[in-house]
C-alpha atoms as a PDB file:
ATOM      1  CA  MET A   1     197.827  52.949  46.279  1.00  0.00           C
ATOM      2  CA  PHE A   2     200.087  55.738  47.547  1.00  0.00           C
ATOM      3  CA  ALA A   3     200.093  58.560  50.063  1.00  0.00           C
ATOM      4  CA  PHE A   4     198.708  61.540  48.333  1.00  0.00           C
ATOM      5  CA  PRO A   5     200.663  64.766  49.161  1.00  0.00           C
ATOM      6  CA  SER A   6     198.118  66.828  51.077  1.00  0.00           C
ATOM      7  CA  VAL A   7     200.663  69.301  52.842  1.00  0.00           C
ATOM      8  CA  ASP A   8     203.970  71.006  51.896  1.00  0.00           C
ATOM      9  CA  GLU A   9     205.883  68.945  54.666  1.00  0.00           C
ATOM     10  CA  ALA A  10     206.328  65.296  53.408  1.00  0.00           C
ATOM     11  CA  ASP A  11     206.615  63.843  56.748  1.00  0.00           C
ATOM     12  CA  ARG A  12     203.009  65.154  57.746  1.00  0.00           C
ATOM     13  CA  ASN A  13     201.470  63.399  54.570  1.00  0.00           C
ATOM     14  CA  THR A  14     199.364  60.313  55.302  1.00  0.00           C
ATOM     15  CA  VAL A  15     197.602  57.557  53.499  1.00  0.00           C
ATOM     16  CA  THR A  16     193.929  57.620  53.422  1.00  0.00           C
ATOM     17  CA  SER A  17     192.696  54.318  54.417  1.00  0.00           C
ATOM     18  CA  GLY A  18     190.388  52.812  56.786  1.00  0.00           C
ATOM     19  CA  VAL A  19     188.515  49.582  58.189  1.00  0.00           C
ATOM     20  CA  ASP A  20     186.029  48.330  55.613  1.00  0.00           C
ATOM     21  CA  VAL A  21     185.389  45.081  57.320  1.00  0.00           C
ATOM     22  CA  LEU A  22     183.740  44.350  60.740  1.00  0.00           C
ATOM     23  CA  LEU A  23     182.994  40.942  62.231  1.00  0.00           C
ATOM     24  CA  ALA A  24     180.589  41.019  65.072  1.00  0.00           C
ATOM     25  CA  VAL A  25     178.056  38.763  67.008  1.00  0.00           C
ATOM     26  CA  SER A  26     174.420  39.932  67.329  1.00  0.00           C
ATOM     27  CA  ASN A  27     173.015  39.656  70.868  1.00  0.00           C
ATOM     28  CA  GLN A  28     169.645  38.921  69.199  1.00  0.00           C
ATOM     29  CA  GLY A  29     170.327  35.393  68.546  1.00  0.00           C
ATOM     30  CA  ASP A  30     169.805  32.297  70.674  1.00  0.00           C
ATOM     31  CA  GLU A  31     172.958  30.767  72.374  1.00  0.00           C
ATOM     32  CA  ALA A  32     173.661  28.325  69.424  1.00  0.00           C
ATOM     33  CA  GLN A  33     173.362  31.082  67.035  1.00  0.00           C
ATOM     34  CA  GLN A  34     175.773  33.328  69.098  1.00  0.00           C
ATOM     35  CA  GLU A  35     178.446  30.392  69.360  1.00  0.00           C
ATOM     36  CA  ALA A  36     178.108  29.739  65.637  1.00  0.00           C
ATOM     37  CA  ALA A  37     179.029  33.330  64.893  1.00  0.00           C
ATOM     38  CA  LYS A  38     181.893  33.289  67.317  1.00  0.00           C
ATOM     39  CA  GLU A  39     183.138  30.175  65.577  1.00  0.00           C
ATOM     40  CA  PHE A  40     182.945  31.691  62.200  1.00  0.00           C
ATOM     41  CA  ILE A  41     184.923  34.867  63.676  1.00  0.00           C
ATOM     42  CA  ARG A  42     187.677  32.657  65.188  1.00  0.00           C
ATOM     43  CA  TYR A  43     187.981  30.933  61.836  1.00  0.00           C
ATOM     44  CA  ALA A  44     188.181  34.245  59.796  1.00  0.00           C
ATOM     45  CA  LEU A  45     190.806  35.716  62.308  1.00  0.00           C
ATOM     46  CA  THR A  46     193.177  32.550  61.660  1.00  0.00           C
ATOM     47  CA  PRO A  47     196.258  33.666  60.019  1.00  0.00           C
ATOM     48  CA  GLU A  48     195.496  31.493  56.899  1.00  0.00           C
ATOM     49  CA  VAL A  49     191.986  32.923  56.170  1.00  0.00           C
ATOM     50  CA  ALA A  50     193.104  36.276  57.052  1.00  0.00           C
ATOM     51  CA  GLN A  51     196.212  36.156  54.744  1.00  0.00           C
ATOM     52  CA  SER A  52     193.995  35.001  51.999  1.00  0.00           C
ATOM     53  CA  TYR A  53     191.458  37.579  52.325  1.00  0.00           C
ATOM     54  CA  ILE A  54     194.067  40.471  52.397  1.00  0.00           C
ATOM     55  CA  ASP A  55     195.749  38.768  49.288  1.00  0.00           C
ATOM     56  CA  ASP A  56     192.567  38.972  47.395  1.00  0.00           C
ATOM     57  CA  GLN A  57     191.392  42.275  48.490  1.00  0.00           C
ATOM     58  CA  PHE A  58     194.894  44.099  48.426  1.00  0.00           C
ATOM     59  CA  ALA A  59     194.033  44.960  52.002  1.00  0.00           C
ATOM     60  CA  PHE A  60     195.926  45.177  55.364  1.00  0.00           C
ATOM     61  CA  SER A  61     195.185  42.939  58.444  1.00  0.00           C
ATOM     62  CA  ALA A  62     194.852  43.660  61.945  1.00  0.00           C
ATOM     63  CA  VAL A  63     195.660  40.158  62.799  1.00  0.00           C
ATOM     64  CA  ASN A  64     199.320  39.778  63.871  1.00  0.00           C
ATOM     65  CA  GLY A  65     201.840  38.217  61.614  1.00  0.00           C
ATOM     66  CA  VAL A  66     199.472  38.623  58.589  1.00  0.00           C
ATOM     67  CA  GLU A  67     201.278  40.952  56.134  1.00  0.00           C
ATOM     68  CA  GLN A  68     200.521  42.402  52.688  1.00  0.00           C
ATOM     69  CA  LYS A  69     203.191  41.494  50.322  1.00  0.00           C
ATOM     70  CA  ASN A  70     201.628  42.613  47.081  1.00  0.00           C
ATOM     71  CA  GLU A  71     203.805  45.084  45.250  1.00  0.00           C
ATOM     72  CA  THR A  72     201.101  47.250  44.284  1.00  0.00           C
ATOM     73  CA  VAL A  73     200.471  48.391  47.727  1.00  0.00           C
ATOM     74  CA  SER A  74     203.988  48.251  48.954  1.00  0.00           C
ATOM     75  CA  GLY A  75     204.509  52.086  48.740  1.00  0.00           C
ATOM     76  CA  VAL A  76     202.172  52.476  51.690  1.00  0.00           C
ATOM     77  CA  SER A  77     202.999  49.443  53.851  1.00  0.00           C
ATOM     78  CA  LYS A  78     205.570  51.519  56.161  1.00  0.00           C
ATOM     79  CA  ASP A  79     203.057  54.380  56.590  1.00  0.00           C
ATOM     80  CA  ILE A  80     200.319  52.009  57.645  1.00  0.00           C
ATOM     81  CA  ALA A  81     202.609  50.164  59.989  1.00  0.00           C
ATOM     82  CA  ASN A  82     203.831  53.477  61.516  1.00  0.00           C
ATOM     83  CA  GLY A  83     200.114  54.764  62.057  1.00  0.00           C
ATOM     84  CA  LYS A  84     200.467  57.549  59.333  1.00  0.00           C
ATOM     85  CA  VAL A  85     196.766  57.051  58.069  1.00  0.00           C
ATOM     86  CA  SER A  86     193.775  59.325  57.848  1.00  0.00           C
ATOM     87  CA  ASN A  87     190.468  57.902  58.117  1.00  0.00           C
ATOM     88  CA  PHE A  88     188.012  57.859  55.150  1.00  0.00           C
ATOM     89  CA  PRO A  89     185.732  61.018  55.898  1.00  0.00           C
ATOM     90  CA  ASP A  90     182.595  59.037  55.311  1.00  0.00           C
ATOM     91  CA  HIS A  91     183.445  56.926  58.776  1.00  0.00           C
ATOM     92  CA  TYR A  92     182.605  60.076  60.601  1.00  0.00           C
ATOM     93  CA  TYR A  93     179.019  60.589  59.590  1.00  0.00           C
ATOM     94  CA  PRO A  94     175.874  58.333  59.917  1.00  0.00           C
ATOM     95  CA  ASN A  95     174.644  55.949  57.282  1.00  0.00           C
ATOM     96  CA  GLY A  96     172.106  57.646  55.046  1.00  0.00           C
ATOM     97  CA  PHE A  97     173.872  60.877  54.896  1.00  0.00           C
ATOM     98  CA  ASP A  98     174.737  61.288  51.175  1.00  0.00           C
ATOM     99  CA  LEU A  99     177.336  63.917  50.987  1.00  0.00           C
ATOM    100  CA  SER A 100     177.983  63.161  47.344  1.00  0.00           C
ATOM    101  CA  ALA A 101     174.604  64.337  46.443  1.00  0.00           C
ATOM    102  CA  ILE A 102     174.939  67.469  48.217  1.00  0.00           C
ATOM    103  CA  LEU A 103     178.446  68.240  46.777  1.00  0.00           C
ATOM    104  CA  GLN A 104     176.904  67.665  43.182  1.00  0.00           C
ATOM    105  CA  GLN A 105     174.162  70.150  44.095  1.00  0.00           C
ATOM    106  CA  PHE A 106     176.878  72.778  45.247  1.00  0.00           C
ATOM    107  CA  ALA A 107     178.948  72.075  41.836  1.00  0.00           C
ATOM    108  CA  LEU A 108     175.602  72.425  39.721  1.00  0.00           C
ATOM    109  CA  ASN A 109     174.824  75.763  41.615  1.00  0.00           C
ATOM    110  CA  LYS A 110     178.351  76.958  40.669  1.00  0.00           C
ATOM    111  CA  VAL A 111     178.143  76.062  37.166  1.00  0.00           C
ATOM    112  CA  ASP A 112     174.587  77.610  37.007  1.00  0.00           C
ATOM    113  CA  GLY A 113     176.210  80.772  38.253  1.00  0.00           C
ATOM    114  CA  MET A 114     174.841  80.899  41.887  1.00  0.00           C
ATOM    115  CA  ASP A 115     176.738  83.515  43.974  1.00  0.00           C
ATOM    116  CA  ASP A 116     179.593  81.598  46.004  1.00  0.00           C
ATOM    117  CA  THR A 117     178.307  82.958  49.361  1.00  0.00           C
ATOM    118  CA  GLU A 118     174.767  81.833  48.750  1.00  0.00           C
ATOM    119  CA  ASN A 119     176.075  78.575  47.349  1.00  0.00           C
ATOM    120  CA  ILE A 120     178.300  78.032  50.389  1.00  0.00           C
ATOM    121  CA  THR A 121     175.178  78.853  52.703  1.00  0.00           C
ATOM    122  CA  GLU A 122     172.891  76.687  50.985  1.00  0.00           C
ATOM    123  CA  THR A 123     175.160  73.687  50.875  1.00  0.00           C
ATOM    124  CA  LEU A 124     176.249  73.988  54.730  1.00  0.00           C
ATOM    125  CA  GLN A 125     172.458  74.133  55.475  1.00  0.00           C
ATOM    126  CA  SER A 126     171.772  71.285  53.414  1.00  0.00           C
ATOM    127  CA  CYS A 127     174.485  69.414  55.169  1.00  0.00           C
ATOM    128  CA  ASP A 128     173.214  70.110  58.404  1.00  0.00           C
ATOM    129  CA  GLU A 129     169.646  69.148  57.547  1.00  0.00           C
ATOM    130  CA  GLN A 130     170.654  65.944  55.951  1.00  0.00           C
ATOM    131  CA  TYR A 131     172.979  64.956  58.768  1.00  0.00           C
ATOM    132  CA  ASP A 132     170.289  65.555  61.390  1.00  0.00           C
ATOM    133  CA  ALA A 133     167.789  63.653  59.279  1.00  0.00           C
ATOM    134  CA  ALA A 134     170.265  60.621  59.094  1.00  0.00           C
ATOM    135  CA  ASN A 135     171.574  60.587  62.543  1.00  0.00           C
ATOM    136  CA  VAL A 136     168.315  59.445  64.426  1.00  0.00           C
ATOM    137  CA  GLU A 137     168.398  57.281  67.272  1.00  0.00           C
END
């Protein structure tokens, strides 16, 4: 893992990373179920368990005092600690929005010789349609 140079000014480069685990308690369970869920979350957030998780996953923790010490990710530790992080793009669009399929079609259209302007217009229209279809309440 490393900060991929994305701009010409080194101090403006960031690490692309994001939260991939969320612990939550459903409001659908009864009181005993909700308390059991809260107990599990308290357990999962103990420094010992949080450390074990990040050691296994090469991740970084939001739990105070839990630090990633694996050398394979040491190059980004300082950037993450300093907030030089860009979130994954897929964190900004709804579940069910398959951008990879849209981009694959864009690439196939290019290979098949579709006019660039037409391809871009069609791809953006597909993005809008797929986003709207996936973003239902």
